[in-house]
Amino acid sequence: MILYLIACAAGPTEYIDDGVRIAQAKGWDVCLILTPSAARWWESRLDELEDLTGHPVRSRYKLPGTRDSLPKCDAMLVAPLSCTSLNKWGAGITDTLALGLPSEGVHMGIPVLAMPYFNQAQAAQPAVPRSIAALRQQGVLYLDGETGYEPHPPRHGDASRFPWERALDAAAQATRPTT
């Protein structure tokens, strides 16, 4: 099973290699897509991530006429999803590959899940509940509260304890055939 793990510039992306390893231990073949800002965080170590996944790490749209370097996926997990990317995606702004893939994928029948990572002050912005509702209306499984991640108090997040297992278990559940 192929998973597109799509990470935004949010704290847990510093530990995206841990997320990849956990996904691989759960049987996923992981293709990693980063927002351009998140890719800057790993810029000097992108080769490590490519060695870990066995795939190119993508952060930009391919050029017209260029063959896609990633295999087709069975699911997409946008995690960690930043507040900025949530609101852009919810408004239909897909100016990055990391938002364009899940925005299109959910309408192509691919299971798309998103787990946020941002603080309570950011979550208090009026656009946040509208964006969550827009994603859910489209069929995105937005993982929050007890089933995902609850926004933390400002300056009190622990990015190293992001619940990768919870997100990956939800992705596995979303790809199970219904009988």
N, C-alpha and C. Protein backbone atom coordinates (compact mmCIF):
# COMPACT_ATOMS: atom_id res chain seq x y z
N MET A 1 0.85 -1.18 0.00
CA MET A 1 0.00 0.00 0.00
C MET A 1 0.89 1.24 0.00
N ILE A 2 0.57 2.15 -0.87
CA ILE A 2 1.38 3.37 -1.02
C ILE A 2 0.67 4.53 -0.36
N LEU A 3 1.40 5.22 0.51
CA LEU A 3 0.90 6.38 1.23
C LEU A 3 1.66 7.62 0.81
N TYR A 4 0.92 8.66 0.41
CA TYR A 4 1.53 9.96 0.26
C TYR A 4 1.44 10.63 1.63
N LEU A 5 2.57 10.83 2.28
CA LEU A 5 2.63 11.56 3.53
C LEU A 5 3.00 12.99 3.18
N ILE A 6 2.08 13.89 3.44
CA ILE A 6 2.21 15.29 3.03
C ILE A 6 2.36 16.14 4.29
N ALA A 7 3.51 16.80 4.42
CA ALA A 7 3.81 17.53 5.64
C ALA A 7 3.95 19.03 5.37
N CYS A 8 3.31 19.81 6.23
CA CYS A 8 3.38 21.26 6.16
C CYS A 8 4.45 21.77 7.13
N ALA A 9 4.71 23.06 7.09
CA ALA A 9 5.70 23.67 7.98
C ALA A 9 5.08 23.86 9.37
N ALA A 10 5.00 22.76 10.10
CA ALA A 10 4.52 22.75 11.48
C ALA A 10 5.51 21.91 12.28
N GLY A 11 5.60 22.16 13.56
CA GLY A 11 6.60 21.55 14.42
C GLY A 11 6.93 20.08 14.18
N PRO A 12 5.94 19.19 14.09
CA PRO A 12 6.27 17.77 13.91
C PRO A 12 7.03 17.45 12.63
N THR A 13 7.04 18.36 11.67
CA THR A 13 7.79 18.10 10.45
C THR A 13 9.29 18.02 10.73
N GLU A 14 9.73 18.58 11.84
CA GLU A 14 11.13 18.40 12.24
C GLU A 14 11.42 16.93 12.49
N TYR A 15 10.37 16.15 12.76
CA TYR A 15 10.49 14.72 13.07
C TYR A 15 9.82 13.86 12.00
N ILE A 16 9.74 14.36 10.79
CA ILE A 16 9.03 13.63 9.74
C ILE A 16 9.69 12.28 9.47
N ASP A 17 10.98 12.18 9.71
CA ASP A 17 11.64 10.88 9.52
C ASP A 17 11.07 9.85 10.49
N ASP A 18 10.71 10.28 11.70
CA ASP A 18 10.06 9.36 12.64
C ASP A 18 8.70 8.92 12.11
N GLY A 19 7.94 9.88 11.57
CA GLY A 19 6.64 9.55 11.00
C GLY A 19 6.77 8.56 9.85
N VAL A 20 7.78 8.74 9.01
CA VAL A 20 8.01 7.82 7.89
C VAL A 20 8.33 6.42 8.42
N ARG A 21 9.21 6.35 9.40
CA ARG A 21 9.59 5.03 9.96
C ARG A 21 8.39 4.32 10.59
N ILE A 22 7.56 5.06 11.30
CA ILE A 22 6.37 4.45 11.90
C ILE A 22 5.44 3.94 10.81
N ALA A 23 5.26 4.73 9.76
CA ALA A 23 4.41 4.31 8.63
C ALA A 23 4.97 3.05 7.97
N GLN A 24 6.27 3.03 7.77
CA GLN A 24 6.89 1.85 7.16
C GLN A 24 6.73 0.63 8.05
N ALA A 25 6.85 0.80 9.35
CA ALA A 25 6.68 -0.32 10.28
C ALA A 25 5.25 -0.85 10.22
N LYS A 26 4.30 0.00 9.82
CA LYS A 26 2.90 -0.41 9.70
C LYS A 26 2.60 -0.95 8.29
N GLY A 27 3.63 -1.08 7.47
CA GLY A 27 3.45 -1.69 6.16
C GLY A 27 3.28 -0.74 4.99
N TRP A 28 3.38 0.56 5.21
CA TRP A 28 3.20 1.51 4.13
C TRP A 28 4.49 1.71 3.34
N ASP A 29 4.36 1.85 2.03
CA ASP A 29 5.43 2.34 1.17
C ASP A 29 5.18 3.85 1.10
N VAL A 30 6.07 4.64 1.70
CA VAL A 30 5.81 6.06 1.90
C VAL A 30 6.48 6.92 0.84
N CYS A 31 5.68 7.79 0.24
CA CYS A 31 6.17 8.85 -0.63
C CYS A 31 5.96 10.15 0.13
N LEU A 32 7.01 10.93 0.27
CA LEU A 32 6.96 12.13 1.08
C LEU A 32 6.84 13.37 0.21
N ILE A 33 5.85 14.20 0.54
CA ILE A 33 5.64 15.48 -0.13
C ILE A 33 5.67 16.55 0.95
N LEU A 34 6.44 17.59 0.72
CA LEU A 34 6.57 18.68 1.69
C LEU A 34 6.10 19.99 1.08
N THR A 35 5.54 20.87 1.90
CA THR A 35 5.31 22.22 1.42
C THR A 35 6.67 22.85 1.15
N PRO A 36 6.74 23.88 0.32
CA PRO A 36 8.04 24.51 0.08
C PRO A 36 8.73 25.00 1.38
N SER A 37 7.96 25.52 2.31
CA SER A 37 8.57 25.96 3.58
C SER A 37 9.10 24.78 4.37
N ALA A 38 8.35 23.68 4.42
CA ALA A 38 8.82 22.49 5.14
C ALA A 38 10.06 21.91 4.45
N ALA A 39 10.11 21.97 3.14
CA ALA A 39 11.27 21.46 2.42
C ALA A 39 12.53 22.25 2.79
N ARG A 40 12.38 23.53 3.06
CA ARG A 40 13.54 24.34 3.48
C ARG A 40 14.10 23.82 4.80
N TRP A 41 13.24 23.33 5.69
CA TRP A 41 13.70 22.83 6.99
C TRP A 41 14.63 21.63 6.79
N TRP A 42 14.36 20.84 5.76
CA TRP A 42 15.11 19.60 5.51
C TRP A 42 16.10 19.76 4.35
N GLU A 43 16.24 20.95 3.84
CA GLU A 43 17.01 21.20 2.62
C GLU A 43 18.37 20.50 2.60
N SER A 44 19.12 20.59 3.68
CA SER A 44 20.46 20.00 3.69
C SER A 44 20.44 18.49 3.92
N ARG A 45 19.24 17.95 4.22
CA ARG A 45 19.15 16.52 4.52
C ARG A 45 18.09 15.80 3.70
N LEU A 46 17.66 16.39 2.60
CA LEU A 46 16.63 15.76 1.77
C LEU A 46 17.08 14.39 1.27
N ASP A 47 18.38 14.24 1.02
CA ASP A 47 18.88 12.95 0.55
C ASP A 47 18.64 11.86 1.60
N GLU A 48 18.69 12.21 2.87
CA GLU A 48 18.39 11.23 3.93
C GLU A 48 16.95 10.75 3.83
N LEU A 49 16.04 11.70 3.59
CA LEU A 49 14.63 11.33 3.46
C LEU A 49 14.39 10.49 2.21
N GLU A 50 15.09 10.81 1.13
CA GLU A 50 14.94 10.01 -0.09
C GLU A 50 15.49 8.61 0.10
N ASP A 51 16.60 8.49 0.82
CA ASP A 51 17.14 7.16 1.13
C ASP A 51 16.17 6.38 2.00
N LEU A 52 15.57 7.07 2.96
CA LEU A 52 14.63 6.43 3.89
C LEU A 52 13.38 5.93 3.16
N THR A 53 12.83 6.73 2.26
CA THR A 53 11.60 6.36 1.58
C THR A 53 11.84 5.54 0.31
N GLY A 54 12.99 5.72 -0.30
CA GLY A 54 13.24 5.08 -1.59
C GLY A 54 12.58 5.80 -2.75
N HIS A 55 12.09 6.99 -2.49
CA HIS A 55 11.41 7.80 -3.51
C HIS A 55 11.95 9.23 -3.45
N PRO A 56 11.84 9.97 -4.56
CA PRO A 56 12.17 11.40 -4.50
C PRO A 56 11.24 12.10 -3.52
N VAL A 57 11.75 13.08 -2.81
CA VAL A 57 10.90 13.92 -1.95
C VAL A 57 10.47 15.09 -2.81
N ARG A 58 9.16 15.26 -2.94
CA ARG A 58 8.62 16.31 -3.80
C ARG A 58 8.15 17.49 -2.96
N SER A 59 8.36 18.69 -3.49
CA SER A 59 7.84 19.89 -2.84
C SER A 59 7.33 20.91 -3.86
N ARG A 60 7.45 20.58 -5.13
CA ARG A 60 7.00 21.48 -6.18
C ARG A 60 6.25 20.69 -7.25
N TYR A 61 5.38 21.41 -7.95
CA TYR A 61 4.72 20.80 -9.10
C TYR A 61 5.77 20.44 -10.14
N LYS A 62 5.53 19.36 -10.87
CA LYS A 62 6.44 18.98 -11.95
C LYS A 62 6.21 19.90 -13.14
N LEU A 63 7.17 19.97 -14.01
CA LEU A 63 7.04 20.78 -15.21
C LEU A 63 6.14 20.08 -16.22
N PRO A 64 5.42 20.83 -17.03
CA PRO A 64 4.58 20.21 -18.06
C PRO A 64 5.40 19.26 -18.92
N GLY A 65 4.82 18.11 -19.21
CA GLY A 65 5.48 17.12 -20.04
C GLY A 65 6.45 16.23 -19.30
N THR A 66 6.68 16.51 -18.03
CA THR A 66 7.58 15.70 -17.22
C THR A 66 6.83 14.53 -16.64
N ARG A 67 7.45 13.37 -16.69
CA ARG A 67 6.84 12.15 -16.13
C ARG A 67 6.81 12.26 -14.61
N ASP A 68 5.74 11.77 -14.00
CA ASP A 68 5.63 11.82 -12.55
C ASP A 68 6.63 10.85 -11.93
N SER A 69 7.29 11.28 -10.89
CA SER A 69 8.33 10.47 -10.26
C SER A 69 7.80 9.61 -9.13
N LEU A 70 6.54 9.76 -8.78
CA LEU A 70 5.96 8.98 -7.68
C LEU A 70 4.92 8.00 -8.20
N PRO A 71 4.84 6.83 -7.57
CA PRO A 71 3.78 5.89 -7.96
C PRO A 71 2.42 6.39 -7.49
N LYS A 72 1.36 5.84 -8.07
CA LYS A 72 0.01 6.19 -7.61
C LYS A 72 -0.16 5.72 -6.17
N CYS A 73 -0.93 6.50 -5.42
CA CYS A 73 -1.08 6.18 -4.00
C CYS A 73 -2.42 5.51 -3.71
N ASP A 74 -2.46 4.84 -2.55
CA ASP A 74 -3.69 4.25 -2.04
C ASP A 74 -4.38 5.16 -1.03
N ALA A 75 -3.61 6.08 -0.44
CA ALA A 75 -4.15 7.03 0.53
C ALA A 75 -3.21 8.22 0.63
N MET A 76 -3.76 9.33 1.10
CA MET A 76 -2.97 10.53 1.36
C MET A 76 -3.23 10.95 2.80
N LEU A 77 -2.15 11.25 3.51
CA LEU A 77 -2.24 11.74 4.88
C LEU A 77 -1.51 13.06 4.95
N VAL A 78 -2.25 14.13 5.20
CA VAL A 78 -1.66 15.45 5.35
C VAL A 78 -1.43 15.65 6.85
N ALA A 79 -0.18 15.49 7.25
CA ALA A 79 0.15 15.55 8.67
C ALA A 79 1.63 15.86 8.82
N PRO A 80 1.97 16.82 9.59
CA PRO A 80 1.10 17.75 10.29
C PRO A 80 0.54 18.80 9.32
N LEU A 81 -0.71 19.15 9.54
CA LEU A 81 -1.37 20.19 8.76
C LEU A 81 -1.30 21.49 9.56
N SER A 82 -0.66 22.49 9.00
CA SER A 82 -0.56 23.79 9.68
C SER A 82 -1.86 24.56 9.54
N CYS A 83 -2.03 25.54 10.38
CA CYS A 83 -3.23 26.39 10.32
C CYS A 83 -3.30 27.13 8.98
N THR A 84 -2.17 27.63 8.52
CA THR A 84 -2.13 28.34 7.24
C THR A 84 -2.55 27.43 6.10
N SER A 85 -1.97 26.24 6.05
CA SER A 85 -2.32 25.32 4.97
C SER A 85 -3.76 24.85 5.07
N LEU A 86 -4.27 24.64 6.28
CA LEU A 86 -5.68 24.29 6.46
C LEU A 86 -6.57 25.34 5.81
N ASN A 87 -6.31 26.60 6.10
CA ASN A 87 -7.18 27.66 5.60
C ASN A 87 -7.03 27.87 4.10
N LYS A 88 -5.83 27.69 3.57
CA LYS A 88 -5.66 27.78 2.12
C LYS A 88 -6.41 26.64 1.44
N TRP A 89 -6.22 25.42 1.94
CA TRP A 89 -6.88 24.25 1.36
C TRP A 89 -8.39 24.38 1.46
N GLY A 90 -8.88 24.79 2.62
CA GLY A 90 -10.32 24.96 2.81
C GLY A 90 -10.93 25.99 1.87
N ALA A 91 -10.13 26.97 1.47
CA ALA A 91 -10.59 28.01 0.53
C ALA A 91 -10.35 27.62 -0.93
N GLY A 92 -9.79 26.43 -1.14
CA GLY A 92 -9.56 25.96 -2.51
C GLY A 92 -8.29 26.50 -3.14
N ILE A 93 -7.39 27.03 -2.34
CA ILE A 93 -6.13 27.56 -2.87
C ILE A 93 -5.10 26.43 -2.87
N THR A 94 -4.72 26.01 -4.07
CA THR A 94 -3.80 24.87 -4.20
C THR A 94 -2.53 25.32 -4.92
N ASP A 95 -1.89 26.32 -4.35
CA ASP A 95 -0.70 26.89 -4.97
C ASP A 95 0.57 26.09 -4.69
N THR A 96 0.45 25.02 -3.92
CA THR A 96 1.59 24.14 -3.67
C THR A 96 1.19 22.71 -4.01
N LEU A 97 2.18 21.90 -4.35
CA LEU A 97 1.92 20.49 -4.63
C LEU A 97 1.29 19.82 -3.41
N ALA A 98 1.76 20.21 -2.22
CA ALA A 98 1.28 19.60 -0.98
C ALA A 98 -0.22 19.84 -0.76
N LEU A 99 -0.76 20.90 -1.30
CA LEU A 99 -2.21 21.13 -1.20
C LEU A 99 -2.95 20.69 -2.47
N GLY A 100 -2.29 20.76 -3.59
CA GLY A 100 -2.93 20.36 -4.85
C GLY A 100 -3.23 18.88 -4.92
N LEU A 101 -2.30 18.05 -4.44
CA LEU A 101 -2.53 16.60 -4.50
C LEU A 101 -3.75 16.16 -3.69
N PRO A 102 -3.87 16.52 -2.41
CA PRO A 102 -5.05 16.06 -1.67
C PRO A 102 -6.33 16.75 -2.12
N SER A 103 -6.23 17.99 -2.58
CA SER A 103 -7.41 18.70 -3.06
C SER A 103 -8.03 17.99 -4.25
N GLU A 104 -7.19 17.48 -5.12
CA GLU A 104 -7.65 16.73 -6.29
C GLU A 104 -7.97 15.28 -5.91
N GLY A 105 -7.11 14.69 -5.10
CA GLY A 105 -7.24 13.27 -4.76
C GLY A 105 -8.55 12.91 -4.11
N VAL A 106 -9.04 13.76 -3.22
CA VAL A 106 -10.30 13.45 -2.53
C VAL A 106 -11.47 13.36 -3.52
N HIS A 107 -11.36 14.08 -4.64
CA HIS A 107 -12.42 14.05 -5.65
C HIS A 107 -12.18 12.97 -6.71
N MET A 108 -11.11 12.20 -6.51
CA MET A 108 -10.81 11.08 -7.40
C MET A 108 -11.02 9.75 -6.67
N GLY A 109 -11.60 9.81 -5.48
CA GLY A 109 -11.89 8.59 -4.73
C GLY A 109 -10.74 8.08 -3.88
N ILE A 110 -9.68 8.83 -3.75
CA ILE A 110 -8.56 8.44 -2.90
C ILE A 110 -8.87 8.84 -1.47
N PRO A 111 -8.70 7.95 -0.50
CA PRO A 111 -8.89 8.35 0.90
C PRO A 111 -7.88 9.44 1.27
N VAL A 112 -8.39 10.57 1.73
CA VAL A 112 -7.54 11.69 2.13
C VAL A 112 -7.85 12.01 3.59
N LEU A 113 -6.80 12.02 4.40
CA LEU A 113 -6.92 12.31 5.82
C LEU A 113 -6.03 13.49 6.15
N ALA A 114 -6.39 14.22 7.19
CA ALA A 114 -5.58 15.36 7.62
C ALA A 114 -5.58 15.41 9.14
N MET A 115 -4.38 15.56 9.70
CA MET A 115 -4.25 15.73 11.15
C MET A 115 -3.51 17.05 11.40
N PRO A 116 -4.16 17.96 12.12
CA PRO A 116 -3.57 19.28 12.33
C PRO A 116 -2.49 19.28 13.41
N TYR A 117 -1.73 20.36 13.40
CA TYR A 117 -0.83 20.67 14.51
C TYR A 117 -0.70 22.19 14.54
N PHE A 118 -1.46 22.79 15.43
CA PHE A 118 -1.33 24.23 15.67
C PHE A 118 -1.92 24.53 17.04
N ASN A 119 -1.70 25.76 17.50
CA ASN A 119 -2.10 26.09 18.87
C ASN A 119 -3.52 26.66 18.96
N GLN A 120 -3.98 26.81 20.18
CA GLN A 120 -5.35 27.26 20.44
C GLN A 120 -5.60 28.68 19.95
N ALA A 121 -4.60 29.53 20.00
CA ALA A 121 -4.78 30.90 19.49
C ALA A 121 -5.01 30.88 17.98
N GLN A 122 -4.26 30.04 17.27
CA GLN A 122 -4.48 29.91 15.83
C GLN A 122 -5.84 29.28 15.56
N ALA A 123 -6.22 28.30 16.36
CA ALA A 123 -7.50 27.61 16.17
C ALA A 123 -8.68 28.54 16.41
N ALA A 124 -8.47 29.64 17.15
CA ALA A 124 -9.55 30.57 17.44
C ALA A 124 -9.88 31.48 16.27
N GLN A 125 -9.09 31.44 15.22
CA GLN A 125 -9.37 32.26 14.05
C GLN A 125 -10.68 31.80 13.41
N PRO A 126 -11.56 32.72 13.05
CA PRO A 126 -12.87 32.34 12.49
C PRO A 126 -12.79 31.48 11.23
N ALA A 127 -11.70 31.57 10.48
CA ALA A 127 -11.58 30.78 9.25
C ALA A 127 -11.39 29.30 9.54
N VAL A 128 -10.86 28.94 10.72
CA VAL A 128 -10.53 27.55 11.01
C VAL A 128 -11.76 26.63 10.96
N PRO A 129 -12.83 26.90 11.71
CA PRO A 129 -13.98 25.98 11.63
C PRO A 129 -14.60 25.93 10.24
N ARG A 130 -14.58 27.05 9.52
CA ARG A 130 -15.11 27.05 8.14
C ARG A 130 -14.26 26.14 7.26
N SER A 131 -12.95 26.22 7.42
CA SER A 131 -12.05 25.40 6.60
C SER A 131 -12.21 23.92 6.92
N ILE A 132 -12.32 23.60 8.20
CA ILE A 132 -12.53 22.20 8.59
C ILE A 132 -13.83 21.68 7.99
N ALA A 133 -14.89 22.48 8.09
CA ALA A 133 -16.19 22.08 7.54
C ALA A 133 -16.10 21.89 6.02
N ALA A 134 -15.38 22.77 5.34
CA ALA A 134 -15.24 22.65 3.88
C ALA A 134 -14.51 21.37 3.50
N LEU A 135 -13.47 21.02 4.25
CA LEU A 135 -12.74 19.78 3.95
C LEU A 135 -13.62 18.56 4.22
N ARG A 136 -14.29 18.57 5.36
CA ARG A 136 -15.16 17.43 5.69
C ARG A 136 -16.28 17.28 4.67
N GLN A 137 -16.83 18.38 4.21
CA GLN A 137 -17.91 18.34 3.21
C GLN A 137 -17.42 17.67 1.92
N GLN A 138 -16.15 17.81 1.61
CA GLN A 138 -15.58 17.20 0.42
C GLN A 138 -15.21 15.74 0.61
N GLY A 139 -15.23 15.27 1.86
CA GLY A 139 -14.89 13.88 2.12
C GLY A 139 -13.54 13.66 2.77
N VAL A 140 -12.85 14.74 3.13
CA VAL A 140 -11.57 14.60 3.85
C VAL A 140 -11.87 14.15 5.27
N LEU A 141 -11.15 13.16 5.74
CA LEU A 141 -11.27 12.72 7.13
C LEU A 141 -10.33 13.60 7.96
N TYR A 142 -10.89 14.58 8.65
CA TYR A 142 -10.12 15.53 9.45
C TYR A 142 -10.02 14.97 10.87
N LEU A 143 -8.81 14.69 11.29
CA LEU A 143 -8.56 14.00 12.56
C LEU A 143 -8.26 15.01 13.66
N ASP A 144 -9.26 15.26 14.48
CA ASP A 144 -9.07 16.18 15.59
C ASP A 144 -9.73 15.62 16.84
N GLY A 145 -9.57 16.30 17.94
CA GLY A 145 -10.17 15.83 19.19
C GLY A 145 -9.61 14.48 19.59
N GLU A 146 -10.47 13.63 20.11
CA GLU A 146 -10.04 12.31 20.58
C GLU A 146 -9.53 11.41 19.46
N THR A 147 -9.95 11.65 18.24
CA THR A 147 -9.52 10.81 17.12
C THR A 147 -8.30 11.36 16.41
N GLY A 148 -7.77 12.47 16.89
CA GLY A 148 -6.64 13.08 16.20
C GLY A 148 -5.78 13.92 17.11
N TYR A 149 -5.72 15.20 16.79
CA TYR A 149 -4.89 16.12 17.55
C TYR A 149 -5.73 17.32 17.96
N GLU A 150 -5.66 17.65 19.22
CA GLU A 150 -6.36 18.81 19.77
C GLU A 150 -5.36 19.97 19.87
N PRO A 151 -5.71 21.17 19.39
CA PRO A 151 -4.77 22.29 19.49
C PRO A 151 -4.27 22.48 20.94
N HIS A 152 -3.00 22.80 21.03
CA HIS A 152 -2.33 22.97 22.32
C HIS A 152 -2.30 24.45 22.72
N PRO A 153 -2.09 24.75 24.00
CA PRO A 153 -1.92 26.15 24.40
C PRO A 153 -0.71 26.76 23.68
N PRO A 154 -0.78 28.05 23.36
CA PRO A 154 0.37 28.69 22.70
C PRO A 154 1.66 28.47 23.50
N ARG A 155 2.72 28.19 22.75
CA ARG A 155 4.07 27.96 23.30
C ARG A 155 4.17 26.72 24.19
N HIS A 156 3.20 25.82 24.10
CA HIS A 156 3.21 24.61 24.93
C HIS A 156 3.03 23.32 24.11
N GLY A 157 3.23 23.40 22.82
CA GLY A 157 3.15 22.20 22.00
C GLY A 157 4.41 21.36 22.15
N ASP A 158 4.27 20.07 21.97
CA ASP A 158 5.42 19.17 21.99
C ASP A 158 5.43 18.41 20.67
N ALA A 159 6.11 19.00 19.69
CA ALA A 159 6.12 18.43 18.34
C ALA A 159 6.69 17.02 18.30
N SER A 160 7.56 16.70 19.22
CA SER A 160 8.17 15.36 19.23
C SER A 160 7.18 14.28 19.64
N ARG A 161 6.04 14.68 20.20
CA ARG A 161 5.03 13.71 20.65
C ARG A 161 3.79 13.70 19.74
N PHE A 162 3.96 14.15 18.51
CA PHE A 162 2.85 14.14 17.55
C PHE A 162 2.33 12.71 17.41
N PRO A 163 1.02 12.51 17.43
CA PRO A 163 0.46 11.14 17.41
C PRO A 163 0.44 10.50 16.02
N TRP A 164 1.61 10.23 15.48
CA TRP A 164 1.71 9.60 14.16
C TRP A 164 0.92 8.30 14.10
N GLU A 165 1.02 7.49 15.17
CA GLU A 165 0.34 6.19 15.16
C GLU A 165 -1.17 6.35 14.95
N ARG A 166 -1.75 7.31 15.63
CA ARG A 166 -3.19 7.55 15.52
C ARG A 166 -3.57 7.91 14.08
N ALA A 167 -2.77 8.78 13.47
CA ALA A 167 -3.05 9.19 12.09
C ALA A 167 -2.89 8.02 11.13
N LEU A 168 -1.84 7.23 11.32
CA LEU A 168 -1.58 6.11 10.42
C LEU A 168 -2.59 4.98 10.61
N ASP A 169 -3.05 4.77 11.83
CA ASP A 169 -4.11 3.78 12.05
C ASP A 169 -5.39 4.21 11.35
N ALA A 170 -5.69 5.50 11.37
CA ALA A 170 -6.88 6.01 10.67
C ALA A 170 -6.72 5.84 9.16
N ALA A 171 -5.51 6.05 8.65
CA ALA A 171 -5.28 5.85 7.22
C ALA A 171 -5.45 4.39 6.83
N ALA A 172 -4.96 3.50 7.68
CA ALA A 172 -5.12 2.06 7.40
C ALA A 172 -6.60 1.69 7.41
N GLN A 173 -7.33 2.23 8.36
CA GLN A 173 -8.78 1.96 8.45
C GLN A 173 -9.51 2.50 7.22
N ALA A 174 -9.09 3.65 6.74
CA ALA A 174 -9.75 4.27 5.58
C ALA A 174 -9.51 3.51 4.29
N THR A 175 -8.44 2.71 4.24
CA THR A 175 -8.13 1.96 3.02
C THR A 175 -8.61 0.52 3.06
N ARG A 176 -9.16 0.10 4.19
CA ARG A 176 -9.66 -1.28 4.27
C ARG A 176 -10.90 -1.42 3.40
N PRO A 177 -10.97 -2.51 2.65
CA PRO A 177 -12.17 -2.74 1.83
C PRO A 177 -13.39 -2.97 2.72
N THR A 178 -14.51 -2.44 2.28
CA THR A 178 -15.75 -2.67 3.00
C THR A 178 -16.38 -3.94 2.49
N THR A 179 -16.96 -4.71 3.40
CA THR A 179 -17.58 -5.98 2.98
C THR A 179 -19.07 -5.95 3.11
